[in-house]
């Protein structure tokens, strides 16, 4: 990997910023150059939220991601808004529990993951975000227990230490997910 630009988008409360922060810390732990830029509306939950992440072997000049290599769309408004901005040859991850329509492009690779349903079925609460992150790491062959553990330890506060294993389970579920 030289540089990979990610755009996570969905409703507030879906863990969009957390997912981006996790990937950023994972990149830092792997001694990559990283940029994390959150963007969210005034609402805490239910408003729109997005997060740009750049992970690179080279210094990052700007944190702005206009044309991502990877789009994570966790709701229909996000897919509608950002689908066309993904670079040709890019990858789109769709939470197919919440988004019924298919991607309208044939120059990108698309993964439809029923992340919200999988989280619910496996008693993983609101960790659909981490299920998708697990799939991302699997697709790009970047799932290593050491960096995952270290990154989770950075983004999960001591107050919520009980969530370490739950997040790890969500990541593994996503990594192992194959189309039903």
Protein backbone atom coordinates (compact mmCIF):
# COMPACT_ATOMS: atom_id res chain seq x y z
CA UNK A 1 0.00 0.00 0.00
CA UNK A 2 1.28 3.41 -0.85
CA UNK A 3 -1.74 5.54 0.03
CA UNK A 4 -5.33 4.54 0.72
CA UNK A 5 -8.08 7.12 1.26
CA UNK A 6 -11.23 6.11 3.15
CA UNK A 7 -14.56 7.85 3.56
CA UNK A 8 -16.92 6.52 6.24
CA UNK A 9 -20.46 7.89 6.23
CA UNK A 10 -23.75 7.23 7.98
CA UNK A 11 -26.06 8.47 10.71
CA UNK A 12 -24.74 9.80 13.99
CA UNK A 13 -24.67 7.00 16.54
CA UNK A 14 -23.52 4.33 14.05
CA UNK A 15 -19.91 4.61 15.16
CA UNK A 16 -18.65 6.29 11.99
CA UNK A 17 -16.04 8.38 13.80
CA UNK A 18 -15.01 5.46 16.02
CA UNK A 19 -14.40 3.22 12.99
CA UNK A 20 -12.27 5.88 11.35
CA UNK A 21 -10.34 6.51 14.55
CA UNK A 22 -9.68 2.77 14.93
CA UNK A 23 -8.24 2.52 11.39
CA UNK A 24 -6.16 5.64 12.05
CA UNK A 25 -4.65 4.22 15.22
CA UNK A 26 -4.03 0.91 13.47
CA UNK A 27 -2.11 2.81 10.80
CA UNK A 28 -0.09 4.71 13.41
CA UNK A 29 0.79 1.49 15.21
CA UNK A 30 2.00 0.09 11.88
CA UNK A 31 4.17 3.22 11.50
CA UNK A 32 2.16 4.66 8.60
CA UNK A 33 1.42 8.32 7.97
CA UNK A 34 -2.18 8.98 8.98
CA UNK A 35 -4.86 11.64 8.75
CA UNK A 36 -8.27 11.47 10.48
CA UNK A 37 -10.85 14.18 9.79
CA UNK A 38 -14.31 13.85 11.38
CA UNK A 39 -17.36 15.72 10.15
CA UNK A 40 -20.78 15.62 11.76
CA UNK A 41 -23.95 17.62 12.09
CA UNK A 42 -25.11 19.28 15.31
CA UNK A 43 -27.19 16.28 16.33
CA UNK A 44 -25.53 13.68 18.55
CA UNK A 45 -27.54 10.79 17.16
CA UNK A 46 -29.52 10.62 13.96
CA UNK A 47 -27.76 13.46 12.14
CA UNK A 48 -25.24 12.83 9.42
CA UNK A 49 -21.69 11.88 10.25
CA UNK A 50 -18.71 11.23 8.05
CA UNK A 51 -15.04 10.65 8.59
CA UNK A 52 -12.11 10.88 6.19
CA UNK A 53 -9.09 8.70 6.87
CA UNK A 54 -5.86 8.57 4.92
CA UNK A 55 -3.29 5.86 5.62
CA UNK A 56 -0.07 6.18 3.67
CA UNK A 57 3.57 5.16 3.45
CA UNK A 58 4.29 8.81 2.56
CA UNK A 59 3.52 12.10 4.36
CA UNK A 60 -0.12 13.17 4.01
CA UNK A 61 -0.39 16.62 2.45
CA UNK A 62 -4.08 17.28 3.08
CA UNK A 63 -6.64 15.52 5.30
CA UNK A 64 -9.46 16.10 2.81
CA UNK A 65 -10.74 13.05 0.94
CA UNK A 66 -12.71 14.13 -2.12
CA UNK A 67 -12.36 10.95 -4.16
CA UNK A 68 -11.93 8.00 -1.81
CA UNK A 69 -10.40 4.68 -2.70
CA UNK A 70 -12.76 3.13 -0.16
CA UNK A 71 -16.29 4.22 0.75
CA UNK A 72 -18.19 2.81 3.71
CA UNK A 73 -21.89 3.67 3.35
CA UNK A 74 -23.94 2.79 6.41
CA UNK A 75 -27.16 4.43 5.27
CA UNK A 76 -28.89 5.26 1.97
CA UNK A 77 -28.28 9.05 2.07
CA UNK A 78 -24.54 8.33 2.37
CA UNK A 79 -24.51 5.97 -0.60
CA UNK A 80 -26.58 8.43 -2.65
CA UNK A 81 -24.25 11.31 -1.78
CA UNK A 82 -20.82 9.67 -2.14
CA UNK A 83 -21.16 6.77 -4.57
CA UNK A 84 -20.08 8.79 -7.61
CA UNK A 85 -17.05 10.26 -5.81
CA UNK A 86 -15.27 6.90 -5.38
CA UNK A 87 -12.26 6.52 -7.66
CA UNK A 88 -12.67 4.09 -10.56
CA UNK A 89 -11.27 0.78 -9.35
CA UNK A 90 -12.20 1.71 -5.77
CA UNK A 91 -14.16 -0.32 -3.26
CA UNK A 92 -17.56 0.37 -1.69
CA UNK A 93 -18.74 -1.37 1.48
CA UNK A 94 -22.52 -1.19 1.96
CA UNK A 95 -24.52 -2.05 5.09
CA UNK A 96 -27.14 -4.03 3.17
CA UNK A 97 -29.40 -4.27 6.22
CA UNK A 98 -30.13 -0.54 5.92
CA UNK A 99 -29.51 0.00 2.20
CA UNK A 100 -31.68 -2.00 -0.16
CA UNK A 101 -30.53 -0.56 -3.47
CA UNK A 102 -27.50 -1.74 -5.39
CA UNK A 103 -24.54 0.42 -6.36
CA UNK A 104 -25.08 1.93 -9.82
CA UNK A 105 -21.47 1.63 -10.99
CA UNK A 106 -19.58 -1.18 -12.65
CA UNK A 107 -16.08 0.31 -12.28
CA UNK A 108 -15.84 -0.35 -8.52
CA UNK A 109 -15.86 -3.46 -6.35
CA UNK A 110 -18.81 -3.64 -3.98
CA UNK A 111 -19.28 -5.64 -0.79
CA UNK A 112 -22.81 -5.87 0.55
CA UNK A 113 -22.60 -6.77 4.22
CA UNK A 114 -25.75 -7.03 6.38
CA UNK A 115 -23.72 -5.55 9.23
CA UNK A 116 -26.59 -4.20 11.33
CA UNK A 117 -28.40 -7.55 11.18
CA UNK A 118 -25.20 -9.47 11.94
CA UNK A 119 -24.55 -7.25 14.96
CA UNK A 120 -28.07 -7.81 16.21
CA UNK A 121 -28.08 -11.57 15.57
CA UNK A 122 -24.75 -11.99 17.36
CA UNK A 123 -25.64 -9.73 20.32
CA UNK A 124 -22.97 -7.21 19.35
CA UNK A 125 -25.09 -4.14 20.02
CA UNK A 126 -24.30 -1.22 17.75
CA UNK A 127 -21.09 -2.67 16.33
CA UNK A 128 -22.14 -2.87 12.68
CA UNK A 129 -19.36 -0.34 12.07
CA UNK A 130 -16.70 -2.72 13.37
CA UNK A 131 -18.14 -5.64 11.41
CA UNK A 132 -17.59 -3.60 8.24
CA UNK A 133 -14.09 -2.57 9.39
CA UNK A 134 -13.29 -6.25 9.90
CA UNK A 135 -14.38 -6.95 6.33
CA UNK A 136 -12.24 -4.05 5.07
CA UNK A 137 -9.16 -5.43 6.80
CA UNK A 138 -9.90 -8.89 5.41
CA UNK A 139 -10.34 -7.62 1.84
CA UNK A 140 -7.06 -5.71 1.98
CA UNK A 141 -5.34 -8.56 3.88
CA UNK A 142 -4.48 -6.27 6.78
CA UNK A 143 -6.01 -8.18 9.69
CA UNK A 144 -3.27 -8.86 12.22
CA UNK A 145 -4.11 -9.64 15.83
CA UNK A 146 -1.25 -7.53 17.17
CA UNK A 147 -2.21 -4.28 15.44
CA UNK A 148 -5.94 -4.89 16.03
CA UNK A 149 -5.39 -5.41 19.77
CA UNK A 150 -3.13 -2.37 20.05
CA UNK A 151 -5.52 -0.12 18.09
CA UNK A 152 -8.53 -1.25 20.12
CA UNK A 153 -6.61 -0.52 23.31
CA UNK A 154 -6.07 3.05 22.04
CA UNK A 155 -9.66 3.81 21.01
CA UNK A 156 -11.53 2.08 23.84
CA UNK A 157 -11.20 3.94 27.12
CA UNK A 158 -10.39 2.15 30.37
CA UNK A 159 -13.93 2.96 31.49
CA UNK A 160 -15.22 0.72 28.66
CA UNK A 161 -12.53 -1.98 28.83
CA UNK A 162 -15.31 -4.59 28.83
CA UNK A 163 -15.90 -3.65 25.17
CA UNK A 164 -12.46 -4.82 23.97
CA UNK A 165 -13.48 -8.43 23.37
CA UNK A 166 -16.88 -7.44 21.98
CA UNK A 167 -15.23 -5.18 19.39
CA UNK A 168 -12.69 -7.87 18.58
CA UNK A 169 -15.53 -10.35 18.02
CA UNK A 170 -17.27 -7.88 15.69
CA UNK A 171 -14.06 -7.38 13.69
CA UNK A 172 -13.56 -11.15 13.35
CA UNK A 173 -17.19 -11.65 12.35
CA UNK A 174 -16.76 -9.08 9.59
CA UNK A 175 -13.44 -10.52 8.47
CA UNK A 176 -14.93 -13.99 8.18
CA UNK A 177 -18.20 -12.88 6.55
CA UNK A 178 -18.87 -14.37 3.14
CA UNK A 179 -21.95 -13.74 1.08
CA UNK A 180 -24.91 -15.75 2.31
